[in-house]
Protein backbone atom coordinates (compact mmCIF):
# COMPACT_ATOMS: atom_id res chain seq x y z
CA UNK A 1 2.92 -24.91 90.00
CA UNK A 2 2.49 -23.71 86.44
CA UNK A 3 4.05 -20.48 85.26
CA UNK A 4 0.70 -18.74 84.96
CA UNK A 5 -0.21 -19.84 88.49
CA UNK A 6 2.79 -17.94 89.83
CA UNK A 7 1.88 -14.84 87.84
CA UNK A 8 -1.76 -14.94 88.99
CA UNK A 9 -0.69 -15.42 92.62
CA UNK A 10 1.72 -12.49 92.31
CA UNK A 11 -0.95 -10.28 90.75
CA UNK A 12 -3.38 -11.15 93.57
CA UNK A 13 -0.74 -10.26 96.18
CA UNK A 14 0.05 -6.97 94.45
CA UNK A 15 -3.63 -6.15 94.19
CA UNK A 16 -4.20 -7.00 97.84
CA UNK A 17 -1.41 -4.66 98.92
CA UNK A 18 -2.50 -1.82 96.68
CA UNK A 19 -6.25 -2.14 97.19
CA UNK A 20 -7.15 -2.76 100.74
CA UNK A 21 -4.21 -3.89 102.86
CA UNK A 22 -1.56 -1.57 104.23
CA UNK A 23 1.10 -4.23 104.72
CA UNK A 24 4.08 -1.88 104.33
CA UNK A 25 5.23 -3.37 101.02
CA UNK A 26 5.56 -6.94 102.28
CA UNK A 27 2.94 -8.22 99.84
CA UNK A 28 4.48 -6.19 97.00
CA UNK A 29 7.84 -7.89 97.55
CA UNK A 30 6.32 -11.38 97.81
CA UNK A 31 4.04 -10.75 94.83
CA UNK A 32 6.97 -9.55 92.75
CA UNK A 33 8.94 -12.66 93.68
CA UNK A 34 6.00 -14.82 92.56
CA UNK A 35 5.76 -12.99 89.22
CA UNK A 36 9.51 -13.32 88.63
CA UNK A 37 9.29 -17.03 89.46
CA UNK A 38 6.45 -17.37 86.95
CA UNK A 39 8.47 -15.64 84.26
CA UNK A 40 11.47 -17.89 84.99
CA UNK A 41 9.23 -20.98 84.78
CA UNK A 42 7.89 -19.73 81.44
CA UNK A 43 11.37 -19.18 80.02
CA UNK A 44 13.06 -22.32 81.39
CA UNK A 45 11.85 -25.85 82.18
CA UNK A 46 12.27 -25.65 85.97
CA UNK A 47 11.08 -28.48 88.26
CA UNK A 48 8.46 -27.56 90.83
CA UNK A 49 10.76 -27.89 93.86
CA UNK A 50 13.24 -25.52 92.23
CA UNK A 51 10.42 -23.03 91.51
CA UNK A 52 9.53 -22.98 95.20
CA UNK A 53 13.20 -22.59 96.15
CA UNK A 54 13.62 -19.75 93.63
CA UNK A 55 10.49 -18.07 94.98
CA UNK A 56 11.73 -18.32 98.58
CA UNK A 57 15.18 -16.98 97.72
CA UNK A 58 13.78 -14.12 95.64
CA UNK A 59 11.28 -13.17 98.35
CA UNK A 60 13.83 -13.22 101.18
CA UNK A 61 16.61 -11.46 99.29
CA UNK A 62 14.22 -8.82 97.95
CA UNK A 63 12.70 -8.30 101.39
CA UNK A 64 16.11 -7.75 102.99
CA UNK A 65 17.50 -5.68 100.12
CA UNK A 66 14.66 -3.52 98.82
CA UNK A 67 11.73 -3.38 101.25
CA UNK A 68 13.06 -0.71 103.66
CA UNK A 69 14.23 1.51 100.83
CA UNK A 70 10.87 1.29 99.04
CA UNK A 71 8.86 1.84 102.20
CA UNK A 72 10.84 4.89 103.31
CA UNK A 73 10.92 6.36 99.83
CA UNK A 74 7.14 6.31 99.49
CA UNK A 75 6.19 7.16 103.06
CA UNK A 76 8.66 9.97 103.71
CA UNK A 77 7.78 11.76 100.48
CA UNK A 78 4.22 12.32 101.69
CA UNK A 79 3.50 15.58 103.51
CA UNK A 80 2.41 15.39 107.12
CA UNK A 81 -1.33 15.87 107.40
CA UNK A 82 -2.66 17.52 110.52
CA UNK A 83 -5.94 15.96 111.55
CA UNK A 84 -8.28 16.71 114.37
CA UNK A 85 -9.52 19.92 115.91
CA UNK A 86 -6.15 21.31 117.07
CA UNK A 87 -5.71 24.85 115.76
CA UNK A 88 -9.45 25.44 115.38
CA UNK A 89 -11.39 28.27 117.01
CA UNK A 90 -14.49 27.90 119.16
CA UNK A 91 -16.69 30.26 121.20
CA UNK A 92 -17.02 29.48 124.90
CA UNK A 93 -20.59 29.31 126.25
CA UNK A 94 -19.45 30.04 129.83
CA UNK A 95 -16.50 31.75 131.48
CA UNK A 96 -13.56 29.54 132.39
CA UNK A 97 -10.96 30.17 135.07
CA UNK A 98 -7.45 28.79 134.70
CA UNK A 99 -7.65 24.99 134.57
CA UNK A 100 -11.48 24.88 134.63
CA UNK A 101 -13.58 22.80 132.23
CA UNK A 102 -16.95 23.04 130.52
CA UNK A 103 -18.86 21.49 127.63
CA UNK A 104 -18.80 23.25 124.25
CA UNK A 105 -19.78 22.39 120.71
CA UNK A 106 -17.16 22.00 118.01
CA UNK A 107 -17.77 20.42 114.63
CA UNK A 108 -21.26 19.27 115.51
CA UNK A 109 -20.14 17.39 118.63
CA UNK A 110 -19.98 18.40 122.27
CA UNK A 111 -16.51 18.25 123.77
CA UNK A 112 -15.04 18.76 127.20
CA UNK A 113 -13.11 22.01 126.95
CA UNK A 114 -10.44 22.98 129.49
CA UNK A 115 -8.70 26.33 129.87
CA UNK A 116 -5.00 25.58 129.33
CA UNK A 117 -3.82 29.11 130.14
CA UNK A 118 -3.07 30.96 133.38
CA UNK A 119 -5.76 33.60 132.81
CA UNK A 120 -9.54 33.43 133.04
CA UNK A 121 -11.50 33.48 129.80
CA UNK A 122 -14.85 35.34 129.81
CA UNK A 123 -18.07 33.84 128.46
CA UNK A 124 -18.60 34.34 124.71
CA UNK A 125 -14.87 34.65 124.02
CA UNK A 126 -13.32 33.02 121.01
CA UNK A 127 -10.57 30.59 121.98
CA UNK A 128 -8.04 28.62 119.96
CA UNK A 129 -7.70 24.88 120.48
CA UNK A 130 -4.06 24.43 121.52
CA UNK A 131 -4.11 20.63 121.57
CA UNK A 132 -6.27 17.60 122.20
CA UNK A 133 -5.65 15.39 125.21
CA UNK A 134 -7.74 12.22 125.11
CA UNK A 135 -11.26 13.61 124.51
CA UNK A 136 -10.60 17.03 126.00
CA UNK A 137 -9.88 20.18 123.99
CA UNK A 138 -7.24 22.29 125.71
CA UNK A 139 -7.87 25.90 124.75
CA UNK A 140 -6.10 29.25 125.09
CA UNK A 141 -7.43 32.76 124.51
CA UNK A 142 -7.23 33.80 120.88
CA UNK A 143 -4.78 36.61 120.28
């Protein structure tokens, strides 16, 4: 393969990882190995079989050496994002005894809501969503 072929292939792999694939830095490592192989082929007259061998060695050694460090460095630095309705507040349309369920609207959608406390909750009360279990909102009286 020509030197510019390696660089183009590496750029495509880097772009694929960064644009639309969440491959956990595998494509970044392989793309970097392809670019380095292209640069080596540009600098030195390397036969094609040796280019492929260099690419394989660079990819494997880089994967074993750098991939975990890169992945953990970038993923652990990100703050945890809480998603979903947990922590939200809703108003109950009916009274709920301990462990009872009803349908209630939250965020424009009707959910199954279950009283997750030991006390009854009167109709019209505001309750806090303690957690979500499957498609059921487990609620507790708001304090």
